[in-house]
C-alpha atoms as a PDB file:
ATOM      1  CA  UNK A   1     -72.719 -68.151  -8.145  1.00  0.00           C
ATOM      2  CA  UNK A   2     -71.347 -68.186  -4.648  1.00  0.00           C
ATOM      3  CA  UNK A   3     -68.037 -69.458  -5.954  1.00  0.00           C
ATOM      4  CA  UNK A   4     -67.908 -66.650  -8.547  1.00  0.00           C
ATOM      5  CA  UNK A   5     -68.835 -64.049  -5.970  1.00  0.00           C
ATOM      6  CA  UNK A   6     -66.212 -65.344  -3.608  1.00  0.00           C
ATOM      7  CA  UNK A   7     -63.638 -65.256  -6.383  1.00  0.00           C
ATOM      8  CA  UNK A   8     -64.572 -61.703  -7.250  1.00  0.00           C
ATOM      9  CA  UNK A   9     -64.317 -60.619  -3.662  1.00  0.00           C
ATOM     10  CA  UNK A  10     -60.929 -62.272  -3.351  1.00  0.00           C
ATOM     11  CA  UNK A  11     -59.781 -60.599  -6.596  1.00  0.00           C
ATOM     12  CA  UNK A  12     -60.997 -57.209  -5.445  1.00  0.00           C
ATOM     13  CA  UNK A  13     -59.185 -57.619  -2.121  1.00  0.00           C
ATOM     14  CA  UNK A  14     -55.956 -58.455  -3.922  1.00  0.00           C
ATOM     15  CA  UNK A  15     -56.372 -55.440  -6.213  1.00  0.00           C
ATOM     16  CA  UNK A  16     -57.119 -53.279  -3.224  1.00  0.00           C
ATOM     17  CA  UNK A  17     -54.011 -54.476  -1.438  1.00  0.00           C
ATOM     18  CA  UNK A  18     -51.974 -53.893  -4.569  1.00  0.00           C
ATOM     19  CA  UNK A  19     -53.401 -50.402  -4.936  1.00  0.00           C
ATOM     20  CA  UNK A  20     -52.606 -49.624  -1.318  1.00  0.00           C
ATOM     21  CA  UNK A  21     -49.062 -50.916  -1.748  1.00  0.00           C
ATOM     22  CA  UNK A  22     -48.586 -48.851  -4.906  1.00  0.00           C
ATOM     23  CA  UNK A  23     -49.989 -45.806  -3.156  1.00  0.00           C
ATOM     24  CA  UNK A  24     -47.654 -46.320  -0.191  1.00  0.00           C
ATOM     25  CA  UNK A  25     -44.736 -46.787  -2.584  1.00  0.00           C
ATOM     26  CA  UNK A  26     -45.611 -43.548  -4.370  1.00  0.00           C
ATOM     27  CA  UNK A  27     -45.842 -41.685  -1.057  1.00  0.00           C
ATOM     28  CA  UNK A  28     -42.459 -43.074   0.007  1.00  0.00           C
ATOM     29  CA  UNK A  29     -40.840 -42.116  -3.308  1.00  0.00           C
ATOM     30  CA  UNK A  30     -42.340 -38.645  -3.089  1.00  0.00           C
ATOM     31  CA  UNK A  31     -40.929 -38.192   0.403  1.00  0.00           C
ATOM     32  CA  UNK A  32     -37.512 -39.431  -0.714  1.00  0.00           C
ATOM     33  CA  UNK A  33     -37.457 -37.064  -3.717  1.00  0.00           C
ATOM     34  CA  UNK A  34     -38.674 -34.199  -1.533  1.00  0.00           C
ATOM     35  CA  UNK A  35     -35.916 -34.859   0.961  1.00  0.00           C
ATOM     36  CA  UNK A  36     -33.354 -35.019  -1.851  1.00  0.00           C
ATOM     37  CA  UNK A  37     -34.677 -31.733  -3.223  1.00  0.00           C
ATOM     38  CA  UNK A  38     -34.400 -30.130   0.225  1.00  0.00           C
ATOM     39  CA  UNK A  39     -30.862 -31.444   0.607  1.00  0.00           C
ATOM     40  CA  UNK A  40     -29.928 -30.100  -2.837  1.00  0.00           C
ATOM     41  CA  UNK A  41     -31.534 -26.739  -2.111  1.00  0.00           C
ATOM     42  CA  UNK A  42     -29.740 -26.520   1.220  1.00  0.00           C
ATOM     43  CA  UNK A  43     -26.483 -27.543  -0.441  1.00  0.00           C
ATOM     44  CA  UNK A  44     -26.806 -24.934  -3.163  1.00  0.00           C
ATOM     45  CA  UNK A  45     -27.850 -22.289  -0.638  1.00  0.00           C
ATOM     46  CA  UNK A  46     -24.830 -23.145   1.519  1.00  0.00           C
ATOM     47  CA  UNK A  47     -22.592 -23.079  -1.553  1.00  0.00           C
ATOM     48  CA  UNK A  48     -23.984 -19.706  -2.624  1.00  0.00           C
ATOM     49  CA  UNK A  49     -23.594 -18.328   0.908  1.00  0.00           C
ATOM     50  CA  UNK A  50     -19.982 -19.564   1.031  1.00  0.00           C
ATOM     51  CA  UNK A  51     -19.287 -18.109  -2.410  1.00  0.00           C
ATOM     52  CA  UNK A  52     -20.872 -14.801  -1.441  1.00  0.00           C
ATOM     53  CA  UNK A  53     -18.872 -14.735   1.795  1.00  0.00           C
ATOM     54  CA  UNK A  54     -15.640 -15.409  -0.123  1.00  0.00           C
ATOM     55  CA  UNK A  55     -16.476 -12.686  -2.644  1.00  0.00           C
ATOM     56  CA  UNK A  56     -17.201 -10.213   0.154  1.00  0.00           C
ATOM     57  CA  UNK A  57     -13.932 -11.167   1.874  1.00  0.00           C
ATOM     58  CA  UNK A  58     -12.007 -10.763  -1.376  1.00  0.00           C
ATOM     59  CA  UNK A  59     -13.567  -7.359  -2.063  1.00  0.00           C
ATOM     60  CA  UNK A  60     -12.889  -6.215   1.490  1.00  0.00           C
ATOM     61  CA  UNK A  61      -9.268  -7.374   1.239  1.00  0.00           C
ATOM     62  CA  UNK A  62      -8.811  -5.616  -2.100  1.00  0.00           C
ATOM     63  CA  UNK A  63     -10.332  -2.438  -0.683  1.00  0.00           C
ATOM     64  CA  UNK A  64      -8.063  -2.609   2.371  1.00  0.00           C
ATOM     65  CA  UNK A  65      -4.973  -3.062   0.197  1.00  0.00           C
ATOM     66  CA  UNK A  66      -6.086  -0.246  -2.078  1.00  0.00           C
ATOM     67  CA  UNK A  67      -6.567   2.084   0.893  1.00  0.00           C
ATOM     68  CA  UNK A  68      -3.086   1.258   2.222  1.00  0.00           C
ATOM     69  CA  UNK A  69      -1.380   1.698  -1.159  1.00  0.00           C
ATOM     70  CA  UNK A  70      -3.212   4.975  -1.750  1.00  0.00           C
ATOM     71  CA  UNK A  71      -1.553   6.349   1.401  1.00  0.00           C
ATOM     72  CA  UNK A  72       2.008   5.414   0.383  1.00  0.00           C
ATOM     73  CA  UNK A  73       4.016   7.778  -1.798  1.00  0.00           C
ATOM     74  CA  UNK A  74       7.440   7.310  -3.377  1.00  0.00           C
ATOM     75  CA  UNK A  75       9.611   9.964  -4.933  1.00  0.00           C
ATOM     76  CA  UNK A  76      12.348  12.332  -3.901  1.00  0.00           C
ATOM     77  CA  UNK A  77      14.658  14.994  -5.260  1.00  0.00           C
ATOM     78  CA  UNK A  78      17.530  15.239  -7.688  1.00  0.00           C
ATOM     79  CA  UNK A  79      20.065  18.051  -8.029  1.00  0.00           C
ATOM     80  CA  UNK A  80      22.664  18.682 -10.720  1.00  0.00           C
ATOM     81  CA  UNK A  81      25.338  21.339 -11.121  1.00  0.00           C
ATOM     82  CA  UNK A  82      27.924  21.122 -13.913  1.00  0.00           C
ATOM     83  CA  UNK A  83      31.095  23.156 -14.363  1.00  0.00           C
ATOM     84  CA  UNK A  84      34.477  23.496 -12.703  1.00  0.00           C
ATOM     85  CA  UNK A  85      32.546  22.509  -9.597  1.00  0.00           C
ATOM     86  CA  UNK A  86      30.180  19.609 -10.344  1.00  0.00           C
ATOM     87  CA  UNK A  87      27.668  18.414  -7.817  1.00  0.00           C
ATOM     88  CA  UNK A  88      25.128  15.596  -8.262  1.00  0.00           C
ATOM     89  CA  UNK A  89      22.609  14.801  -5.545  1.00  0.00           C
ATOM     90  CA  UNK A  90      19.971  12.056  -5.444  1.00  0.00           C
ATOM     91  CA  UNK A  91      17.601  11.806  -2.468  1.00  0.00           C
ATOM     92  CA  UNK A  92      14.908   9.107  -2.771  1.00  0.00           C
ATOM     93  CA  UNK A  93      12.156   8.903  -0.155  1.00  0.00           C
ATOM     94  CA  UNK A  94       9.052   6.987   0.832  1.00  0.00           C
ATOM     95  CA  UNK A  95       6.175   8.551   2.777  1.00  0.00           C
ATOM     96  CA  UNK A  96       3.085   7.291   4.561  1.00  0.00           C
ATOM     97  CA  UNK A  97       0.160   9.735   4.629  1.00  0.00           C
ATOM     98  CA  UNK A  98      -2.144   9.157   7.588  1.00  0.00           C
ATOM     99  CA  UNK A  99      -4.574  11.635   6.059  1.00  0.00           C
ATOM    100  CA  UNK A 100      -4.356  14.651   3.769  1.00  0.00           C
ATOM    101  CA  UNK A 101      -2.734  16.741   6.519  1.00  0.00           C
ATOM    102  CA  UNK A 102       0.035  14.652   8.118  1.00  0.00           C
ATOM    103  CA  UNK A 103       2.673  12.265   6.784  1.00  0.00           C
ATOM    104  CA  UNK A 104       5.872  10.569   7.971  1.00  0.00           C
ATOM    105  CA  UNK A 105       8.754   9.618   5.722  1.00  0.00           C
ATOM    106  CA  UNK A 106      12.208   8.111   5.476  1.00  0.00           C
ATOM    107  CA  UNK A 107      14.804   8.521   2.778  1.00  0.00           C
ATOM    108  CA  UNK A 108      18.423   8.471   1.773  1.00  0.00           C
ATOM    109  CA  UNK A 109      20.855  10.915   0.211  1.00  0.00           C
ATOM    110  CA  UNK A 110      23.820  10.482  -2.091  1.00  0.00           C
ATOM    111  CA  UNK A 111      26.029  13.387  -3.133  1.00  0.00           C
ATOM    112  CA  UNK A 112      28.876  13.343  -5.623  1.00  0.00           C
ATOM    113  CA  UNK A 113      31.136  16.387  -5.859  1.00  0.00           C
ATOM    114  CA  UNK A 114      33.849  17.019  -8.429  1.00  0.00           C
ATOM    115  CA  UNK A 115      36.166  20.018  -8.142  1.00  0.00           C
ATOM    116  CA  UNK A 116      38.701  20.778 -10.861  1.00  0.00           C
ATOM    117  CA  UNK A 117      41.275  23.551 -11.250  1.00  0.00           C
ATOM    118  CA  UNK A 118      44.571  23.880 -13.068  1.00  0.00           C
ATOM    119  CA  UNK A 119      46.374  22.724  -9.930  1.00  0.00           C
ATOM    120  CA  UNK A 120      44.190  19.881  -8.657  1.00  0.00           C
ATOM    121  CA  UNK A 121      41.229  17.618  -9.183  1.00  0.00           C
ATOM    122  CA  UNK A 122      39.146  16.413  -6.255  1.00  0.00           C
ATOM    123  CA  UNK A 123      36.230  13.955  -6.047  1.00  0.00           C
ATOM    124  CA  UNK A 124      34.016  13.452  -3.033  1.00  0.00           C
ATOM    125  CA  UNK A 125      31.261  10.950  -2.209  1.00  0.00           C
ATOM    126  CA  UNK A 126      28.840  11.608   0.622  1.00  0.00           C
ATOM    127  CA  UNK A 127      25.778   9.669   1.723  1.00  0.00           C
ATOM    128  CA  UNK A 128      23.237   9.802   4.490  1.00  0.00           C
ATOM    129  CA  UNK A 129      19.849   8.780   5.831  1.00  0.00           C
ATOM    130  CA  UNK A 130      16.969  10.909   7.013  1.00  0.00           C
ATOM    131  CA  UNK A 131      13.582  10.762   8.661  1.00  0.00           C
ATOM    132  CA  UNK A 132      10.971  13.504   8.649  1.00  0.00           C
ATOM    133  CA  UNK A 133       7.463  14.584   9.548  1.00  0.00           C
ATOM    134  CA  UNK A 134       5.399  16.908   7.391  1.00  0.00           C
ATOM    135  CA  UNK A 135       2.129  18.771   7.778  1.00  0.00           C
ATOM    136  CA  UNK A 136       0.085  20.085   4.835  1.00  0.00           C
ATOM    137  CA  UNK A 137      -2.351  22.986   4.873  1.00  0.00           C
ATOM    138  CA  UNK A 138      -4.788  24.300   2.245  1.00  0.00           C
ATOM    139  CA  UNK A 139      -3.332  21.863  -0.336  1.00  0.00           C
ATOM    140  CA  UNK A 140      -0.397  24.166  -1.105  1.00  0.00           C
ATOM    141  CA  UNK A 141       1.533  24.836   2.138  1.00  0.00           C
ATOM    142  CA  UNK A 142       3.835  22.411   3.947  1.00  0.00           C
ATOM    143  CA  UNK A 143       5.691  22.548   7.258  1.00  0.00           C
ATOM    144  CA  UNK A 144       8.642  20.184   7.547  1.00  0.00           C
ATOM    145  CA  UNK A 145      10.888  18.880  10.358  1.00  0.00           C
ATOM    146  CA  UNK A 146      13.724  16.486   9.531  1.00  0.00           C
ATOM    147  CA  UNK A 147      16.714  14.727  11.033  1.00  0.00           C
ATOM    148  CA  UNK A 148      19.533  13.930   8.588  1.00  0.00           C
ATOM    149  CA  UNK A 149      22.746  12.010   9.234  1.00  0.00           C
ATOM    150  CA  UNK A 150      25.526  12.552   6.695  1.00  0.00           C
ATOM    151  CA  UNK A 151      28.801  10.675   6.176  1.00  0.00           C
ATOM    152  CA  UNK A 152      31.541  12.242   4.056  1.00  0.00           C
ATOM    153  CA  UNK A 153      35.274  12.566   3.526  1.00  0.00           C
ATOM    154  CA  UNK A 154      37.100  15.853   3.985  1.00  0.00           C
ATOM    155  CA  UNK A 155      39.538  17.142   1.400  1.00  0.00           C
ATOM    156  CA  UNK A 156      43.062  15.917   2.115  1.00  0.00           C
ATOM    157  CA  UNK A 157      41.904  13.434   4.770  1.00  0.00           C
ATOM    158  CA  UNK A 158      41.898   9.647   4.572  1.00  0.00           C
ATOM    159  CA  UNK A 159      39.256   9.044   7.208  1.00  0.00           C
ATOM    160  CA  UNK A 160      35.593   9.750   6.776  1.00  0.00           C
ATOM    161  CA  UNK A 161      33.562  11.791   9.230  1.00  0.00           C
ATOM    162  CA  UNK A 162      29.871  12.438   9.848  1.00  0.00           C
ATOM    163  CA  UNK A 163      27.461  15.138  10.946  1.00  0.00           C
ATOM    164  CA  UNK A 164      24.043  15.318  12.601  1.00  0.00           C
ATOM    165  CA  UNK A 165      21.583  17.775  11.128  1.00  0.00           C
ATOM    166  CA  UNK A 166      18.148  18.989  12.160  1.00  0.00           C
ATOM    167  CA  UNK A 167      16.331  20.807   9.371  1.00  0.00           C
ATOM    168  CA  UNK A 168      13.258  22.940  10.023  1.00  0.00           C
ATOM    169  CA  UNK A 169      11.263  24.776   7.396  1.00  0.00           C
ATOM    170  CA  UNK A 170       8.519  24.519   4.829  1.00  0.00           C
ATOM    171  CA  UNK A 171       7.301  25.840   1.542  1.00  0.00           C
ATOM    172  CA  UNK A 172       5.070  25.072  -1.389  1.00  0.00           C
ATOM    173  CA  UNK A 173       3.286  21.705  -1.635  1.00  0.00           C
ATOM    174  CA  UNK A 174       0.701  20.967  -4.327  1.00  0.00           C
ATOM    175  CA  UNK A 175      -1.270  17.722  -4.529  1.00  0.00           C
ATOM    176  CA  UNK A 176      -2.771  16.737  -7.885  1.00  0.00           C
ATOM    177  CA  UNK A 177      -4.405  13.318  -8.106  1.00  0.00           C
ATOM    178  CA  UNK A 178      -1.820  10.589  -7.615  1.00  0.00           C
ATOM    179  CA  UNK A 179       1.068  13.077  -7.655  1.00  0.00           C
ATOM    180  CA  UNK A 180       2.373  15.905  -5.511  1.00  0.00           C
ATOM    181  CA  UNK A 181       5.038  18.555  -6.121  1.00  0.00           C
ATOM    182  CA  UNK A 182       6.986  20.545  -3.583  1.00  0.00           C
ATOM    183  CA  UNK A 183       9.637  23.244  -3.195  1.00  0.00           C
ATOM    184  CA  UNK A 184      10.908  23.536   0.376  1.00  0.00           C
ATOM    185  CA  UNK A 185      13.425  25.711   2.211  1.00  0.00           C
ATOM    186  CA  UNK A 186      15.062  24.556   5.463  1.00  0.00           C
ATOM    187  CA  UNK A 187      17.291  26.077   8.080  1.00  0.00           C
ATOM    188  CA  UNK A 188      19.900  23.751   9.545  1.00  0.00           C
ATOM    189  CA  UNK A 189      19.754  24.471  13.278  1.00  0.00           C
ATOM    190  CA  UNK A 190      22.891  22.409  13.961  1.00  0.00           C
ATOM    191  CA  UNK A 191      24.662  25.638  12.850  1.00  0.00           C
ATOM    192  CA  UNK A 192      28.009  24.077  11.974  1.00  0.00           C
ATOM    193  CA  UNK A 193      30.116  25.064   9.007  1.00  0.00           C
ATOM    194  CA  UNK A 194      32.378  22.981   6.809  1.00  0.00           C
ATOM    195  CA  UNK A 195      34.435  20.926   7.660  1.00  0.00           C
ATOM    196  CA  UNK A 196      32.263  20.152  10.709  1.00  0.00           C
ATOM    197  CA  UNK A 197      29.215  19.920   8.465  1.00  0.00           C
ATOM    198  CA  UNK A 198      28.921  19.227   4.763  1.00  0.00           C
ATOM    199  CA  UNK A 199      25.474  20.859   4.653  1.00  0.00           C
ATOM    200  CA  UNK A 200      25.068  24.626   4.591  1.00  0.00           C
ATOM    201  CA  UNK A 201      22.899  26.631   6.983  1.00  0.00           C
ATOM    202  CA  UNK A 202      20.119  26.896   4.410  1.00  0.00           C
ATOM    203  CA  UNK A 203      19.031  23.892   2.358  1.00  0.00           C
ATOM    204  CA  UNK A 204      16.589  23.979  -0.547  1.00  0.00           C
ATOM    205  CA  UNK A 205      14.813  20.966  -1.946  1.00  0.00           C
ATOM    206  CA  UNK A 206      12.422  20.490  -4.857  1.00  0.00           C
ATOM    207  CA  UNK A 207      10.874  17.136  -5.681  1.00  0.00           C
ATOM    208  CA  UNK A 208       7.927  14.986  -6.610  1.00  0.00           C
ATOM    209  CA  UNK A 209       5.836  12.285  -4.894  1.00  0.00           C
ATOM    210  CA  UNK A 210       3.848   9.570  -6.692  1.00  0.00           C
ATOM    211  CA  UNK A 211       1.216   7.600  -4.763  1.00  0.00           C
ATOM    212  CA  UNK A 212       1.040   3.854  -5.380  1.00  0.00           C
ATOM    213  CA  UNK A 213      -2.736   3.931  -5.978  1.00  0.00           C
END
């Protein structure tokens, strides 16, 4: 009986030790899985935060580019006269609008003139560059100041010459969505006549502007 009791006690101690070891193993495994879960959660949270930050950066960059493009307009004017005296003028321009009231712009000008009579035929090519500032009021009035440099060849001359021109004026300016239309009248304060200046005292210009966005 004593031997059986001793055996039982020994068996119970072994089972107890085994149970404790299993319990400790379970606790350790639980802690390991919990740590792995925390690491995964932190990883996914960090990934989501990084993704959200990238998305916000991308949206901000797109918005910035959109705002810049919405302030840039391209367009210009084109003139055509056909007959014994033919004149073709193309004046492209690009403008940057700081707001709805003020803009700065640069552009170029090309003029082709053809004069034909029974006695002679004459062709002329003139070109130039210009820079200007413009102010808009009430969405239909514009004030305009411009400097224009022109290079041209006089009739009967081999050499080309040039002129400096300062144009001041204004006129009608109508903005409609991504487009704007204008008809402007300028006075050339350089006040020089041909052949010293290819431009006349009064210059008219009608054109269109298209905004990039």
